[in-house]
């Protein structure tokens, strides 16, 4: 008796499932790395804000502040 033909649709679905699992893992890594980048950008923004405040104070002390 001949072998039962493999179900091509089932085989394709298994391949897709494997690829989706790999993509999910990759996306988790990307999300983690993006979170780290966002945290780094937030730190830079805070430092720039503090520097801006310090520069404003220095300009006021030196009389360099723009009169608005």
PDB file of N, CA and C in Angstrom:
ATOM      1  N   UNK A   1       0.841  -1.172   0.000  1.00  0.00           N
ATOM      2  CA  UNK A   1       0.000   0.000   0.000  1.00  0.00           C
ATOM      3  C   UNK A   1       0.897   1.249   0.000  1.00  0.00           C
ATOM      4  N   UNK A   2       0.565   2.210  -0.852  1.00  0.00           N
ATOM      5  CA  UNK A   2       1.415   3.408  -0.925  1.00  0.00           C
ATOM      6  C   UNK A   2       1.340   4.242   0.353  1.00  0.00           C
ATOM      7  N   UNK A   3       2.452   4.987   0.594  1.00  0.00           N
ATOM      8  CA  UNK A   3       2.474   5.861   1.768  1.00  0.00           C
ATOM      9  C   UNK A   3       1.415   6.947   1.650  1.00  0.00           C
ATOM     10  N   UNK A   4       0.911   7.312   2.805  1.00  0.00           N
ATOM     11  CA  UNK A   4      -0.092   8.382   2.828  1.00  0.00           C
ATOM     12  C   UNK A   4       0.612   9.693   2.491  1.00  0.00           C
ATOM     13  N   UNK A   5       0.051  10.475   1.586  1.00  0.00           N
ATOM     14  CA  UNK A   5       0.706  11.739   1.234  1.00  0.00           C
ATOM     15  C   UNK A   5       0.728  12.688   2.429  1.00  0.00           C
ATOM     16  N   UNK A   6       1.835  13.369   2.554  1.00  0.00           N
ATOM     17  CA  UNK A   6       1.924  14.324   3.661  1.00  0.00           C
ATOM     18  C   UNK A   6       0.992  15.493   3.387  1.00  0.00           C
ATOM     19  N   UNK A   7       0.468  16.004   4.431  1.00  0.00           N
ATOM     20  CA  UNK A   7      -0.453  17.128   4.315  1.00  0.00           C
ATOM     21  C   UNK A   7       0.381  18.401   4.128  1.00  0.00           C
ATOM     22  N   UNK A   8       0.388  18.920   2.912  1.00  0.00           N
ATOM     23  CA  UNK A   8       1.202  20.090   2.600  1.00  0.00           C
ATOM     24  C   UNK A   8       0.788  21.320   3.394  1.00  0.00           C
ATOM     25  N   UNK A   9      -0.496  21.478   3.576  1.00  0.00           N
ATOM     26  CA  UNK A   9      -0.982  22.639   4.323  1.00  0.00           C
ATOM     27  C   UNK A   9      -0.487  22.568   5.761  1.00  0.00           C
ATOM     28  N   UNK A  10      -0.573  21.407   6.362  1.00  0.00           N
ATOM     29  CA  UNK A  10      -0.102  21.234   7.731  1.00  0.00           C
ATOM     30  C   UNK A  10       1.401  21.502   7.825  1.00  0.00           C
ATOM     31  N   UNK A  11       2.146  21.027   6.866  1.00  0.00           N
ATOM     32  CA  UNK A  11       3.593  21.261   6.848  1.00  0.00           C
ATOM     33  C   UNK A  11       3.899  22.754   6.721  1.00  0.00           C
ATOM     34  N   UNK A  12       3.189  23.434   5.851  1.00  0.00           N
ATOM     35  CA  UNK A  12       3.393  24.872   5.699  1.00  0.00           C
ATOM     36  C   UNK A  12       3.028  25.629   6.977  1.00  0.00           C
ATOM     37  N   UNK A  13       1.941  25.210   7.604  1.00  0.00           N
ATOM     38  CA  UNK A  13       1.544  25.859   8.864  1.00  0.00           C
ATOM     39  C   UNK A  13       2.602  25.656   9.947  1.00  0.00           C
ATOM     40  N   UNK A  14       3.214  24.503   9.989  1.00  0.00           N
ATOM     41  CA  UNK A  14       4.287  24.246  10.963  1.00  0.00           C
ATOM     42  C   UNK A  14       5.487  25.149  10.693  1.00  0.00           C
ATOM     43  N   UNK A  15       5.828  25.308   9.422  1.00  0.00           N
ATOM     44  CA  UNK A  15       6.948  26.196   9.071  1.00  0.00           C
ATOM     45  C   UNK A  15       6.628  27.637   9.459  1.00  0.00           C
ATOM     46  N   UNK A  16       5.409  28.050   9.171  1.00  0.00           N
ATOM     47  CA  UNK A  16       4.996  29.412   9.531  1.00  0.00           C
ATOM     48  C   UNK A  16       5.056  29.598  11.037  1.00  0.00           C
ATOM     49  N   UNK A  17       4.583  28.600  11.771  1.00  0.00           N
ATOM     50  CA  UNK A  17       4.593  28.666  13.234  1.00  0.00           C
ATOM     51  C   UNK A  17       6.021  28.822  13.761  1.00  0.00           C
ATOM     52  N   UNK A  18       6.947  28.084  13.181  1.00  0.00           N
ATOM     53  CA  UNK A  18       8.350  28.176  13.591  1.00  0.00           C
ATOM     54  C   UNK A  18       8.894  29.573  13.320  1.00  0.00           C
ATOM     55  N   UNK A  19       8.566  30.116  12.162  1.00  0.00           N
ATOM     56  CA  UNK A  19       9.039  31.459  11.819  1.00  0.00           C
ATOM     57  C   UNK A  19       8.405  32.518  12.704  1.00  0.00           C
ATOM     58  N   UNK A  20       7.144  32.351  13.040  1.00  0.00           N
ATOM     59  CA  UNK A  20       6.466  33.303  13.922  1.00  0.00           C
ATOM     60  C   UNK A  20       7.108  33.271  15.313  1.00  0.00           C
ATOM     61  N   UNK A  21       7.447  32.084  15.792  1.00  0.00           N
ATOM     62  CA  UNK A  21       8.127  31.976  17.087  1.00  0.00           C
ATOM     63  C   UNK A  21       9.455  32.723  17.068  1.00  0.00           C
ATOM     64  N   UNK A  22      10.201  32.572  15.986  1.00  0.00           N
ATOM     65  CA  UNK A  22      11.489  33.275  15.870  1.00  0.00           C
ATOM     66  C   UNK A  22      11.269  34.788  15.823  1.00  0.00           C
ATOM     67  N   UNK A  23      10.249  35.222  15.099  1.00  0.00           N
ATOM     68  CA  UNK A  23       9.942  36.647  15.033  1.00  0.00           C
ATOM     69  C   UNK A  23       9.530  37.193  16.395  1.00  0.00           C
ATOM     70  N   UNK A  24       8.772  36.416  17.133  1.00  0.00           N
ATOM     71  CA  UNK A  24       8.347  36.845  18.469  1.00  0.00           C
ATOM     72  C   UNK A  24       9.561  37.046  19.367  1.00  0.00           C
ATOM     73  N   UNK A  25      10.507  36.105  19.314  1.00  0.00           N
ATOM     74  CA  UNK A  25      11.724  36.230  20.108  1.00  0.00           C
ATOM     75  C   UNK A  25      12.512  37.466  19.704  1.00  0.00           C
ATOM     76  N   UNK A  26      12.612  37.682  18.399  1.00  0.00           N
ATOM     77  CA  UNK A  26      13.326  38.863  17.912  1.00  0.00           C
ATOM     78  C   UNK A  26      12.645  40.148  18.381  1.00  0.00           C
ATOM     79  N   UNK A  27      11.332  40.178  18.332  1.00  0.00           N
ATOM     80  CA  UNK A  27      10.602  41.376  18.755  1.00  0.00           C
ATOM     81  C   UNK A  27      10.773  41.644  20.243  1.00  0.00           C
ATOM     82  N   UNK A  28      10.812  40.592  21.046  1.00  0.00           N
ATOM     83  CA  UNK A  28      11.054  40.788  22.475  1.00  0.00           C
ATOM     84  C   UNK A  28      12.413  41.433  22.701  1.00  0.00           C
ATOM     85  N   UNK A  29      13.422  40.967  21.966  1.00  0.00           N
ATOM     86  CA  UNK A  29      14.750  41.551  22.088  1.00  0.00           C
ATOM     87  C   UNK A  29      14.745  43.005  21.628  1.00  0.00           C
ATOM     88  N   UNK A  30      14.072  43.285  20.529  1.00  0.00           N
ATOM     89  CA  UNK A  30      14.009  44.653  20.013  1.00  0.00           C
ATOM     90  C   UNK A  30      13.323  45.565  21.031  1.00  0.00           C
ATOM     91  N   UNK A  31      12.244  45.087  21.636  1.00  0.00           N
ATOM     92  CA  UNK A  31      11.539  45.893  22.628  1.00  0.00           C
ATOM     93  C   UNK A  31      12.423  46.178  23.836  1.00  0.00           C
ATOM     94  N   UNK A  32      13.172  45.191  24.282  1.00  0.00           N
ATOM     95  CA  UNK A  32      14.076  45.389  25.415  1.00  0.00           C
ATOM     96  C   UNK A  32      15.144  46.422  25.072  1.00  0.00           C
ATOM     97  N   UNK A  33      15.709  46.300  23.894  1.00  0.00           N
ATOM     98  CA  UNK A  33      16.751  47.238  23.491  1.00  0.00           C
ATOM     99  C   UNK A  33      16.183  48.637  23.306  1.00  0.00           C
ATOM    100  N   UNK A  34      14.983  48.741  22.761  1.00  0.00           N
ATOM    101  CA  UNK A  34      14.348  50.036  22.589  1.00  0.00           C
ATOM    102  C   UNK A  34      14.090  50.693  23.938  1.00  0.00           C
ATOM    103  N   UNK A  35      13.685  49.908  24.910  1.00  0.00           N
ATOM    104  CA  UNK A  35      13.468  50.447  26.258  1.00  0.00           C
ATOM    105  C   UNK A  35      14.762  51.033  26.811  1.00  0.00           C
ATOM    106  N   UNK A  36      15.868  50.343  26.600  1.00  0.00           N
ATOM    107  CA  UNK A  36      17.152  50.855  27.067  1.00  0.00           C
ATOM    108  C   UNK A  36      17.522  52.155  26.353  1.00  0.00           C
ATOM    109  N   UNK A  37      17.247  52.224  25.072  1.00  0.00           N
ATOM    110  CA  UNK A  37      17.529  53.451  24.318  1.00  0.00           C
ATOM    111  C   UNK A  37      16.663  54.595  24.839  1.00  0.00           C
ATOM    112  N   UNK A  38      15.387  54.321  25.083  1.00  0.00           N
ATOM    113  CA  UNK A  38      14.491  55.358  25.598  1.00  0.00           C
ATOM    114  C   UNK A  38      14.953  55.856  26.963  1.00  0.00           C
ATOM    115  N   UNK A  39      15.396  54.949  27.812  1.00  0.00           N
ATOM    116  CA  UNK A  39      15.913  55.352  29.115  1.00  0.00           C
ATOM    117  C   UNK A  39      17.142  56.236  28.952  1.00  0.00           C
ATOM    118  N   UNK A  40      18.020  55.872  28.029  1.00  0.00           N
ATOM    119  CA  UNK A  40      19.213  56.677  27.779  1.00  0.00           C
ATOM    120  C   UNK A  40      18.866  58.061  27.270  1.00  0.00           C
ATOM    121  N   UNK A  41      17.905  58.153  26.376  1.00  0.00           N
ATOM    122  CA  UNK A  41      17.478  59.449  25.848  1.00  0.00           C
ATOM    123  C   UNK A  41      16.870  60.298  26.966  1.00  0.00           C
ATOM    124  N   UNK A  42      16.100  59.678  27.848  1.00  0.00           N
ATOM    125  CA  UNK A  42      15.499  60.414  28.964  1.00  0.00           C
ATOM    126  C   UNK A  42      16.586  60.977  29.871  1.00  0.00           C
ATOM    127  N   UNK A  43      17.634  60.206  30.108  1.00  0.00           N
ATOM    128  CA  UNK A  43      18.751  60.684  30.937  1.00  0.00           C
ATOM    129  C   UNK A  43      19.421  61.878  30.270  1.00  0.00           C
ATOM    130  N   UNK A  44      19.649  61.781  28.966  1.00  0.00           N
ATOM    131  CA  UNK A  44      20.274  62.891  28.233  1.00  0.00           C
ATOM    132  C   UNK A  44      19.401  64.138  28.308  1.00  0.00           C
ATOM    133  N   UNK A  45      18.092  63.977  28.162  1.00  0.00           N
ATOM    134  CA  UNK A  45      17.185  65.125  28.235  1.00  0.00           C
ATOM    135  C   UNK A  45      17.243  65.780  29.610  1.00  0.00           C
ATOM    136  N   UNK A  46      17.261  64.964  30.664  1.00  0.00           N
ATOM    137  CA  UNK A  46      17.337  65.533  32.013  1.00  0.00           C
ATOM    138  C   UNK A  46      18.627  66.320  32.199  1.00  0.00           C
ATOM    139  N   UNK A  47      19.717  65.761  31.707  1.00  0.00           N
ATOM    140  CA  UNK A  47      21.006  66.462  31.842  1.00  0.00           C
ATOM    141  C   UNK A  47      20.999  67.763  31.050  1.00  0.00           C
ATOM    142  N   UNK A  48      20.430  67.731  29.845  1.00  0.00           N
ATOM    143  CA  UNK A  48      20.364  68.956  29.057  1.00  0.00           C
ATOM    144  C   UNK A  48      19.487  70.010  29.737  1.00  0.00           C
ATOM    145  N   UNK A  49      18.403  69.569  30.350  1.00  0.00           N
ATOM    146  CA  UNK A  49      17.535  70.511  31.073  1.00  0.00           C
ATOM    147  C   UNK A  49      18.296  71.167  32.210  1.00  0.00           C
ATOM    148  N   UNK A  50      19.050  70.365  32.954  1.00  0.00           N
ATOM    149  CA  UNK A  50      19.833  70.924  34.062  1.00  0.00           C
ATOM    150  C   UNK A  50      20.894  71.889  33.543  1.00  0.00           C
ATOM    151  N   UNK A  51      21.534  71.527  32.422  1.00  0.00           N
ATOM    152  CA  UNK A  51      22.538  72.415  31.846  1.00  0.00           C
ATOM    153  C   UNK A  51      21.920  73.736  31.393  1.00  0.00           C
ATOM    154  N   UNK A  52      20.728  73.656  30.826  1.00  0.00           N
ATOM    155  CA  UNK A  52      20.047  74.866  30.387  1.00  0.00           C
ATOM    156  C   UNK A  52      19.768  75.792  31.569  1.00  0.00           C
ATOM    157  N   UNK A  53      19.329  75.210  32.671  1.00  0.00           N
ATOM    158  CA  UNK A  53      19.059  76.003  33.875  1.00  0.00           C
ATOM    159  C   UNK A  53      20.343  76.657  34.369  1.00  0.00           C
ATOM    160  N   UNK A  54      21.430  75.903  34.377  1.00  0.00           N
ATOM    161  CA  UNK A  54      22.710  76.439  34.838  1.00  0.00           C
ATOM    162  C   UNK A  54      23.204  77.559  33.925  1.00  0.00           C
ATOM    163  N   UNK A  55      23.075  77.366  32.617  1.00  0.00           N
ATOM    164  CA  UNK A  55      23.506  78.399  31.674  1.00  0.00           C
ATOM    165  C   UNK A  55      22.666  79.660  31.854  1.00  0.00           C
ATOM    166  N   UNK A  56      21.361  79.496  32.065  1.00  0.00           N
ATOM    167  CA  UNK A  56      20.491  80.660  32.292  1.00  0.00           C
ATOM    168  C   UNK A  56      20.948  81.432  33.528  1.00  0.00           C
ATOM    169  N   UNK A  57      21.281  80.716  34.594  1.00  0.00           N
ATOM    170  CA  UNK A  57      21.744  81.392  35.818  1.00  0.00           C
ATOM    171  C   UNK A  57      23.050  82.131  35.568  1.00  0.00           C
ATOM    172  N   UNK A  58      23.956  81.500  34.839  1.00  0.00           N
ATOM    173  CA  UNK A  58      25.248  82.135  34.533  1.00  0.00           C
ATOM    174  C   UNK A  58      25.030  83.388  33.699  1.00  0.00           C
ATOM    175  N   UNK A  59      24.155  83.281  32.688  1.00  0.00           N
ATOM    176  CA  UNK A  59      23.882  84.461  31.855  1.00  0.00           C
ATOM    177  C   UNK A  59      23.283  85.595  32.675  1.00  0.00           C
ATOM    178  N   UNK A  60      22.408  85.286  33.608  1.00  0.00           N
ATOM    179  CA  UNK A  60      21.820  86.324  34.452  1.00  0.00           C
ATOM    180  C   UNK A  60      22.882  86.976  35.310  1.00  0.00           C
ATOM    181  N   UNK A  61      23.770  86.183  35.884  1.00  0.00           N
ATOM    182  CA  UNK A  61      24.834  86.736  36.722  1.00  0.00           C
ATOM    183  C   UNK A  61      25.761  87.639  35.942  1.00  0.00           C
ATOM    184  N   UNK A  62      26.017  87.273  34.698  1.00  0.00           N
ATOM    185  CA  UNK A  62      26.925  88.070  33.866  1.00  0.00           C
ATOM    186  C   UNK A  62      26.204  89.195  33.127  1.00  0.00           C
ATOM    187  N   UNK A  63      24.908  89.254  33.290  1.00  0.00           N
ATOM    188  CA  UNK A  63      24.128  90.294  32.623  1.00  0.00           C
ATOM    189  C   UNK A  63      23.981  90.034  31.126  1.00  0.00           C
ATOM    190  N   UNK A  64      24.056  88.804  30.742  1.00  0.00           N
ATOM    191  CA  UNK A  64      23.957  88.447  29.320  1.00  0.00           C
ATOM    192  C   UNK A  64      22.563  87.961  28.931  1.00  0.00           C
ATOM    193  N   UNK A  65      21.679  87.864  29.895  1.00  0.00           N
ATOM    194  CA  UNK A  65      20.348  87.326  29.621  1.00  0.00           C
ATOM    195  C   UNK A  65      19.584  88.270  28.710  1.00  0.00           C
ATOM    196  N   UNK A  66      18.893  87.701  27.730  1.00  0.00           N
ATOM    197  CA  UNK A  66      18.077  88.495  26.818  1.00  0.00           C
ATOM    198  C   UNK A  66      16.911  89.105  27.580  1.00  0.00           C
ATOM    199  N   UNK A  67      16.618  90.350  27.292  1.00  0.00           N
ATOM    200  CA  UNK A  67      15.484  91.011  27.931  1.00  0.00           C
ATOM    201  C   UNK A  67      14.256  90.798  27.054  1.00  0.00           C
ATOM    202  N   UNK A  68      13.324  89.989  27.506  1.00  0.00           N
ATOM    203  CA  UNK A  68      12.091  89.721  26.747  1.00  0.00           C
ATOM    204  C   UNK A  68      10.926  90.317  27.477  1.00  0.00           C
TER     205      UNK A  68
END
